[in-house]
Amino acid sequence: MNITKGIIAKAQKVVIYGPEGIGKTTLASQFPNPVFCDTEGSTRNIDVFRADKPSSWQMLMNQIEEVKHENFQTYVIDSVDWAESLCVEYLCQKEGKTSIEDFGYGSGYIKLGEEIGRFLNKLTDLTEMGINVVLTAHAQIKRFERPDEMGAYDRYELKLGNKKTQSTTAPLVKEWADMVLFCNYQVTVISTDNKNKKKAVGGQRKMYTTHNPAWDAKNRFGLPDEVDMSYESIRFIFDNLPPRMNEVIQQAVPQPQAPVQQVSPVQEKMQQLVQQEIPNLEPERTVEIPPIIPASVADLMKLNNVTSDEIMAIIHQGGFMPNDTPIENVPTELWGYLSTNWDKALNLLNTQIRNF
């Protein structure tokens, strides 16, 4: 056995949730070198790097893969509530359902939990490479009744789906995270001159780091139960993290140097003449997508440099529509099928149409 001892510093999986407008996005923007998957336009007034808003579940999963090849230290999904709705839409389109309820006997929620699990595994891959992952989420107040106590009380929970999805999505996200930070306004209730009336005062923003009957929260770093809602309260956790794994590899492995070729003055002059006389015969490939194609497919076409002619060739070659079918006659259901089975569509394009 290889037995080790000591603290292992690694990239963190963080969930930040709370009421709308409290500053979750601003807090996430202060993490080390972040890039945002901004689903709600929350970063419009913040100077941060942001990726294109995914219009489909497949595009979001592709974006997570692309982050591995970029030089960011933190990937922020703002918010995970929206990501769950994309997942529900993806499952319904894939199975030909109009609602998650149409699956019957709760099987739709089981499929949702499985797909969210795969999504969280992809995010874990980022942390293994040294990239922090931050998920923001809204909070909802839910009536909670303990089986071993009399009475019930209200508590804050992650706003993920409805009552039924709470049993799968929210627990998965909380278990996955290293830190669940609940943000809220600190309010004090005081009595007025009229003893029968009370009023709320204060409103300072606070961040809660440990579990409480009134909210979900956790951390693994011995943080105080309550801290100011600022990155400075948790900065020490991220200041000691090692560099990203790909940066370590690049530093450790020397890059081969290309041999320097000596070019004579005559050869240099000939190269200049050739460049002047022979124009570039391969113009840059541009993809113009008709507006009739839904955004869920159009965004994937842009990402993979697929033209409208090629997408129609996929439809014809796959036997979905006759060869003379115009793009205007492609039904909405078929566009939905293409967006949820994009990997199969690309494989057909590369093997039978482009002949790669």
Protein backbone atom coordinates (compact mmCIF):
# COMPACT_ATOMS: atom_id res chain seq x y z
CA MET A 1 0.00 0.00 0.00
CA ASN A 2 1.12 3.53 -0.73
CA ILE A 3 0.23 5.31 2.52
CA THR A 4 0.52 9.09 2.72
CA LYS A 5 -0.26 11.67 5.38
CA GLY A 6 -1.01 15.38 5.42
CA ILE A 7 -3.34 17.91 3.81
CA ILE A 8 -3.75 17.61 0.04
CA ALA A 9 -4.42 20.97 -1.61
CA LYS A 10 -6.70 20.63 -4.63
CA ALA A 11 -9.13 22.66 -6.73
CA GLN A 12 -12.46 23.19 -5.03
CA LYS A 13 -16.08 22.43 -5.91
CA VAL A 14 -18.19 25.29 -4.56
CA VAL A 15 -21.93 25.97 -4.50
CA ILE A 16 -23.08 29.52 -3.69
CA TYR A 17 -26.82 30.02 -3.22
CA GLY A 18 -29.13 32.62 -1.79
CA PRO A 19 -31.94 35.03 -2.67
CA GLU A 20 -31.87 36.93 -5.95
CA GLY A 21 -29.81 40.10 -6.12
CA ILE A 22 -27.70 39.46 -3.05
CA GLY A 23 -24.41 39.36 -5.01
CA LYS A 24 -23.69 35.70 -5.79
CA THR A 25 -22.32 36.56 -9.24
CA THR A 26 -20.08 39.32 -7.89
CA LEU A 27 -18.70 36.93 -5.27
CA ALA A 28 -18.02 34.26 -7.91
CA SER A 29 -16.22 36.82 -10.10
CA GLN A 30 -13.60 37.28 -7.37
CA PHE A 31 -12.42 33.66 -7.54
CA PRO A 32 -9.04 33.08 -9.22
CA ASN A 33 -9.07 33.88 -12.97
CA PRO A 34 -12.70 32.87 -13.67
CA VAL A 35 -14.60 32.26 -16.90
CA PHE A 36 -18.40 32.39 -16.73
CA CYS A 37 -21.10 30.31 -18.32
CA ASP A 38 -23.55 33.20 -17.92
CA THR A 39 -27.06 31.87 -18.38
CA GLU A 40 -28.99 34.82 -16.97
CA GLY A 41 -27.04 37.89 -18.13
CA SER A 42 -25.86 38.51 -14.56
CA THR A 43 -22.32 39.48 -15.63
CA ARG A 44 -23.28 42.28 -18.02
CA ASN A 45 -22.10 44.91 -15.58
CA ILE A 46 -19.05 42.95 -14.39
CA ASP A 47 -15.72 42.90 -16.24
CA VAL A 48 -15.20 39.13 -16.54
CA PHE A 49 -14.50 36.54 -19.21
CA ARG A 50 -17.68 34.76 -20.36
CA ALA A 51 -18.39 31.97 -22.82
CA ASP A 52 -21.35 31.93 -25.19
CA LYS A 53 -24.63 31.13 -23.50
CA PRO A 54 -25.37 27.44 -24.22
CA SER A 55 -28.69 26.96 -25.99
CA SER A 56 -28.77 23.19 -25.41
CA TRP A 57 -27.59 20.59 -22.92
CA GLN A 58 -25.18 19.17 -25.50
CA MET A 59 -23.61 22.60 -26.01
CA LEU A 60 -23.11 22.98 -22.25
CA MET A 61 -21.41 19.59 -22.04
CA ASN A 62 -19.17 20.53 -24.99
CA GLN A 63 -18.31 23.80 -23.30
CA ILE A 64 -17.11 21.97 -20.20
CA GLU A 65 -14.73 19.95 -22.39
CA GLU A 66 -13.44 23.14 -24.05
CA VAL A 67 -12.62 24.71 -20.68
CA LYS A 68 -9.98 22.01 -20.19
CA HIS A 69 -7.98 23.53 -23.05
CA GLU A 70 -8.20 27.14 -21.84
CA ASN A 71 -5.99 28.90 -19.29
CA PHE A 72 -8.61 29.70 -16.67
CA GLN A 73 -8.41 28.68 -13.03
CA THR A 74 -12.13 28.83 -12.22
CA TYR A 75 -15.22 27.80 -14.20
CA VAL A 76 -18.48 29.39 -13.04
CA ILE A 77 -21.95 28.20 -14.07
CA ASP A 78 -24.36 30.99 -13.23
CA SER A 79 -26.78 29.40 -12.45
CA VAL A 80 -27.18 25.64 -12.00
CA ASP A 81 -30.98 26.11 -11.81
CA TRP A 82 -30.93 26.97 -15.50
CA ALA A 83 -28.60 24.06 -16.29
CA GLU A 84 -31.14 21.68 -14.77
CA SER A 85 -33.90 23.09 -17.00
CA LEU A 86 -31.69 22.49 -20.06
CA CYS A 87 -31.22 18.91 -18.90
CA VAL A 88 -34.99 18.41 -18.56
CA GLU A 89 -35.51 19.81 -22.06
CA TYR A 90 -32.81 17.49 -23.42
CA LEU A 91 -34.36 14.38 -21.84
CA CYS A 92 -37.87 15.25 -23.08
CA GLN A 93 -36.65 15.83 -26.64
CA LYS A 94 -34.59 12.65 -26.60
CA GLU A 95 -37.51 10.50 -25.46
CA GLY A 96 -40.22 12.34 -27.42
CA LYS A 97 -41.98 13.66 -24.31
CA THR A 98 -43.57 17.05 -23.75
CA SER A 99 -42.94 17.09 -20.00
CA ILE A 100 -40.79 15.28 -17.44
CA GLU A 101 -44.06 14.09 -15.90
CA ASP A 102 -44.92 12.16 -19.09
CA PHE A 103 -42.32 9.47 -18.38
CA GLY A 104 -44.59 7.92 -15.76
CA TYR A 105 -43.91 6.30 -12.38
CA GLY A 106 -41.18 8.85 -11.61
CA SER A 107 -38.80 7.38 -14.22
CA GLY A 108 -38.25 10.83 -15.72
CA TYR A 109 -36.80 12.06 -12.43
CA ILE A 110 -34.58 9.00 -12.23
CA LYS A 111 -33.21 9.78 -15.71
CA LEU A 112 -32.74 13.41 -14.65
CA GLY A 113 -30.72 12.36 -11.61
CA GLU A 114 -28.54 10.07 -13.75
CA GLU A 115 -27.86 12.82 -16.32
CA ILE A 116 -27.09 15.39 -13.62
CA GLY A 117 -24.71 12.83 -12.11
CA ARG A 118 -22.82 12.61 -15.43
CA PHE A 119 -22.77 16.41 -15.57
CA LEU A 120 -21.22 16.62 -12.09
CA ASN A 121 -18.65 13.97 -13.05
CA LYS A 122 -17.54 16.16 -15.95
CA LEU A 123 -17.14 19.08 -13.57
CA THR A 124 -15.11 16.86 -11.24
CA ASP A 125 -12.75 16.19 -14.16
CA LEU A 126 -12.07 19.94 -14.24
CA THR A 127 -11.13 19.98 -10.57
CA GLU A 128 -8.78 17.04 -11.12
CA MET A 129 -6.95 19.26 -13.62
CA GLY A 130 -6.69 22.06 -11.07
CA ILE A 131 -9.68 24.15 -12.20
CA ASN A 132 -12.05 25.34 -9.47
CA VAL A 133 -15.76 24.91 -10.24
CA VAL A 134 -18.34 27.33 -8.84
CA LEU A 135 -22.09 26.77 -9.21
CA THR A 136 -24.45 29.58 -8.25
CA ALA A 137 -28.08 28.85 -7.45
CA HIS A 138 -31.17 30.57 -6.14
CA ALA A 139 -32.72 29.72 -2.80
CA GLN A 140 -36.27 28.73 -2.01
CA ILE A 141 -38.09 28.45 1.30
CA LYS A 142 -39.57 25.04 1.95
CA ARG A 143 -41.71 23.76 4.79
CA PHE A 144 -39.74 21.06 6.60
CA GLU A 145 -41.08 18.54 9.07
CA ARG A 146 -38.74 16.23 10.97
CA PRO A 147 -40.09 12.72 11.51
CA ASP A 148 -38.80 12.57 15.11
CA GLU A 149 -40.19 15.92 16.25
CA MET A 150 -43.55 17.58 16.62
CA GLY A 151 -44.33 20.53 14.36
CA ALA A 152 -42.69 21.93 11.22
CA TYR A 153 -40.58 24.96 10.29
CA ASP A 154 -39.39 26.85 7.22
CA ARG A 155 -35.89 26.42 5.87
CA TYR A 156 -33.85 27.62 2.86
CA GLU A 157 -32.88 25.05 0.24
CA LEU A 158 -31.40 24.96 -3.24
CA LYS A 159 -33.99 25.94 -5.82
CA LEU A 160 -33.57 23.00 -8.15
CA GLY A 161 -36.68 21.86 -9.98
CA ASN A 162 -39.95 21.23 -8.20
CA LYS A 163 -40.96 19.15 -5.24
CA LYS A 164 -40.19 15.83 -6.92
CA THR A 165 -36.78 16.76 -8.33
CA GLN A 166 -35.68 17.88 -4.87
CA SER A 167 -35.24 14.20 -4.00
CA THR A 168 -32.59 13.73 -6.70
CA THR A 169 -30.97 16.88 -8.08
CA ALA A 170 -30.44 18.99 -4.96
CA PRO A 171 -28.92 16.18 -2.82
CA LEU A 172 -26.57 15.22 -5.67
CA VAL A 173 -25.28 18.79 -5.99
CA LYS A 174 -24.84 19.18 -2.23
CA GLU A 175 -22.98 15.87 -1.89
CA TRP A 176 -20.75 16.72 -4.86
CA ALA A 177 -19.63 20.08 -3.46
CA ASP A 178 -16.69 20.66 -1.12
CA MET A 179 -18.35 23.86 0.08
CA VAL A 180 -22.02 24.89 0.13
CA LEU A 181 -22.24 28.56 1.07
CA PHE A 182 -25.60 30.10 1.89
CA CYS A 183 -25.79 33.88 1.44
CA ASN A 184 -28.51 35.98 3.06
CA TYR A 185 -29.26 39.32 4.65
CA GLN A 186 -28.77 39.47 8.41
CA VAL A 187 -31.99 40.90 9.79
CA THR A 188 -32.79 41.73 13.42
CA VAL A 189 -36.37 41.95 14.66
CA ILE A 190 -36.95 44.56 17.37
CA SER A 191 -39.94 45.83 19.28
CA THR A 192 -41.36 49.26 18.50
CA ASP A 193 -42.91 51.79 20.87
CA ASN A 194 -46.09 49.84 20.42
CA LYS A 195 -45.23 46.62 22.21
CA ASN A 196 -47.58 44.62 20.05
CA LYS A 197 -45.67 45.49 16.89
CA LYS A 198 -42.19 44.54 15.72
CA LYS A 199 -40.03 45.63 12.80
CA ALA A 200 -36.98 44.27 10.96
CA VAL A 201 -33.75 46.29 10.85
CA GLY A 202 -30.27 45.71 9.50
CA GLY A 203 -29.75 43.96 6.19
CA GLN A 204 -25.99 43.31 6.22
CA ARG A 205 -25.00 40.54 3.81
CA LYS A 206 -23.64 37.43 5.50
CA MET A 207 -22.38 34.03 4.33
CA TYR A 208 -23.24 30.92 6.33
CA THR A 209 -20.85 27.96 6.07
CA THR A 210 -22.28 25.22 8.31
CA HIS A 211 -25.56 23.36 8.52
CA ASN A 212 -28.41 24.96 10.40
CA PRO A 213 -32.06 23.95 10.84
CA ALA A 214 -32.93 27.03 8.78
CA TRP A 215 -30.59 26.36 5.81
CA ASP A 216 -28.21 23.91 4.09
CA ALA A 217 -24.49 24.71 4.21
CA LYS A 218 -21.18 22.92 4.70
CA ASN A 219 -17.42 23.34 4.44
CA ARG A 220 -14.34 21.21 5.09
CA PHE A 221 -11.97 23.95 6.22
CA GLY A 222 -13.14 24.83 9.72
CA LEU A 223 -14.70 28.13 8.68
CA PRO A 224 -16.72 30.05 11.27
CA ASP A 225 -20.45 29.44 11.12
CA GLU A 226 -21.01 32.99 9.88
CA VAL A 227 -18.64 35.24 7.90
CA ASP A 228 -18.94 38.41 5.87
CA MET A 229 -20.13 37.83 2.33
CA SER A 230 -16.82 38.55 0.61
CA TYR A 231 -14.12 36.54 -1.10
CA GLU A 232 -11.64 37.66 1.57
CA SER A 233 -13.42 35.36 4.04
CA ILE A 234 -12.38 32.27 2.05
CA ARG A 235 -9.33 33.54 0.12
CA PHE A 236 -6.86 31.48 2.17
CA ILE A 237 -8.38 28.27 0.78
CA PHE A 238 -7.50 29.18 -2.79
CA ASP A 239 -4.21 31.02 -2.25
CA ASN A 240 -2.44 27.75 -1.42
CA LEU A 241 -3.73 25.68 -4.32
CA PRO A 242 -1.18 24.16 -6.72
CA PRO A 243 -1.09 25.36 -10.35
CA ARG A 244 -3.27 23.71 -12.95
CA MET A 245 -2.21 20.20 -13.98
CA ASN A 246 -1.63 21.13 -17.63
CA GLU A 247 0.56 24.04 -16.53
CA VAL A 248 2.65 21.65 -14.42
CA ILE A 249 3.05 19.30 -17.38
CA GLN A 250 4.07 22.13 -19.70
CA GLN A 251 6.68 23.31 -17.22
CA ALA A 252 8.05 19.82 -16.55
CA VAL A 253 8.29 18.58 -20.14
CA PRO A 254 10.73 20.54 -22.30
CA GLN A 255 9.28 21.55 -25.63
CA PRO A 256 11.29 20.45 -28.69
CA GLN A 257 12.93 23.28 -30.56
CA ALA A 258 12.34 23.40 -34.31
CA PRO A 259 15.57 23.30 -36.31
CA VAL A 260 16.62 26.63 -37.77
CA GLN A 261 16.82 26.45 -41.55
CA GLN A 262 19.30 28.68 -43.32
CA VAL A 263 17.72 30.47 -46.30
CA SER A 264 19.93 31.98 -48.95
CA PRO A 265 19.15 35.46 -50.32
CA VAL A 266 18.14 33.89 -53.67
CA GLN A 267 15.68 31.47 -52.00
CA GLU A 268 14.20 34.29 -49.91
CA LYS A 269 13.63 36.40 -53.03
CA MET A 270 11.97 33.48 -54.85
CA GLN A 271 9.62 32.88 -51.90
CA GLN A 272 8.58 36.53 -51.94
CA LEU A 273 7.81 36.40 -55.68
CA VAL A 274 5.73 33.21 -55.29
CA GLN A 275 3.70 34.74 -52.46
CA GLN A 276 3.01 37.85 -54.56
CA GLU A 277 1.97 36.00 -57.73
CA ILE A 278 -0.02 33.07 -56.33
CA PRO A 279 -3.11 34.15 -54.37
CA ASN A 280 -4.59 32.09 -51.58
CA LEU A 281 -6.87 29.61 -53.36
CA GLU A 282 -8.50 28.37 -50.12
CA PRO A 283 -10.71 31.14 -48.75
CA GLU A 284 -11.61 31.04 -45.07
CA ARG A 285 -14.58 28.79 -44.41
CA THR A 286 -17.55 30.84 -43.17
CA VAL A 287 -20.73 29.35 -41.79
CA GLU A 288 -23.88 31.34 -42.52
CA ILE A 289 -26.85 29.80 -40.74
CA PRO A 290 -30.40 30.65 -41.81
CA PRO A 291 -32.51 32.13 -38.98
CA ILE A 292 -35.10 29.38 -39.49
CA ILE A 293 -32.73 26.88 -37.79
CA PRO A 294 -33.37 26.85 -33.98
CA ALA A 295 -30.64 28.23 -31.74
CA SER A 296 -30.10 24.83 -30.08
CA VAL A 297 -28.88 23.45 -33.43
CA ALA A 298 -27.43 26.67 -34.86
CA ASP A 299 -25.03 27.10 -31.92
CA LEU A 300 -23.76 23.54 -32.31
CA MET A 301 -23.30 24.12 -36.05
CA LYS A 302 -21.17 27.21 -35.35
CA LEU A 303 -19.16 25.35 -32.75
CA ASN A 304 -18.37 22.50 -35.16
CA ASN A 305 -18.21 24.58 -38.38
CA VAL A 306 -21.18 22.82 -40.00
CA THR A 307 -22.91 24.59 -42.91
CA SER A 308 -26.63 24.59 -43.67
CA ASP A 309 -25.98 22.43 -46.75
CA GLU A 310 -24.20 19.89 -44.59
CA ILE A 311 -26.97 19.83 -41.99
CA MET A 312 -29.47 19.15 -44.77
CA ALA A 313 -27.16 16.42 -46.11
CA ILE A 314 -27.26 14.83 -42.63
CA ILE A 315 -31.06 14.94 -42.70
CA HIS A 316 -31.22 13.43 -46.20
CA GLN A 317 -28.44 10.87 -45.66
CA GLY A 318 -29.95 9.77 -42.35
CA GLY A 319 -33.27 9.06 -44.06
CA PHE A 320 -35.20 11.60 -41.99
CA MET A 321 -36.56 13.54 -44.98
CA PRO A 322 -36.56 13.10 -48.81
CA ASN A 323 -33.64 14.56 -50.74
CA ASP A 324 -35.64 17.40 -52.25
CA THR A 325 -37.04 18.63 -48.91
CA PRO A 326 -36.32 22.36 -48.40
CA ILE A 327 -34.96 23.51 -45.06
CA GLU A 328 -38.20 25.38 -44.36
CA ASN A 329 -40.10 22.08 -44.21
CA VAL A 330 -37.92 20.45 -41.54
CA PRO A 331 -40.23 19.87 -38.52
CA THR A 332 -39.45 21.22 -35.07
CA GLU A 333 -39.27 17.69 -33.64
CA LEU A 334 -36.45 16.80 -36.04
CA TRP A 335 -34.40 19.85 -35.01
CA GLY A 336 -34.87 18.77 -31.40
CA TYR A 337 -33.72 15.24 -32.25
CA LEU A 338 -30.57 16.59 -33.95
CA SER A 339 -29.64 18.76 -30.96
CA THR A 340 -29.98 15.85 -28.52
CA ASN A 341 -28.14 13.40 -30.80
CA TRP A 342 -25.49 15.78 -32.10
CA ASP A 343 -22.61 13.30 -31.69
CA LYS A 344 -24.38 10.83 -33.99
CA ALA A 345 -25.07 13.59 -36.52
CA LEU A 346 -21.40 14.63 -36.56
CA ASN A 347 -20.30 11.01 -36.97
CA LEU A 348 -22.59 10.63 -40.00
CA LEU A 349 -21.26 13.89 -41.44
CA ASN A 350 -17.59 12.97 -41.04
CA THR A 351 -17.83 9.32 -42.16
CA GLN A 352 -20.32 9.43 -45.02
CA ILE A 353 -20.60 13.04 -46.20
CA ARG A 354 -17.22 14.67 -45.66
CA ASN A 355 -15.47 11.26 -45.91
CA PHE A 356 -12.98 12.12 -43.17
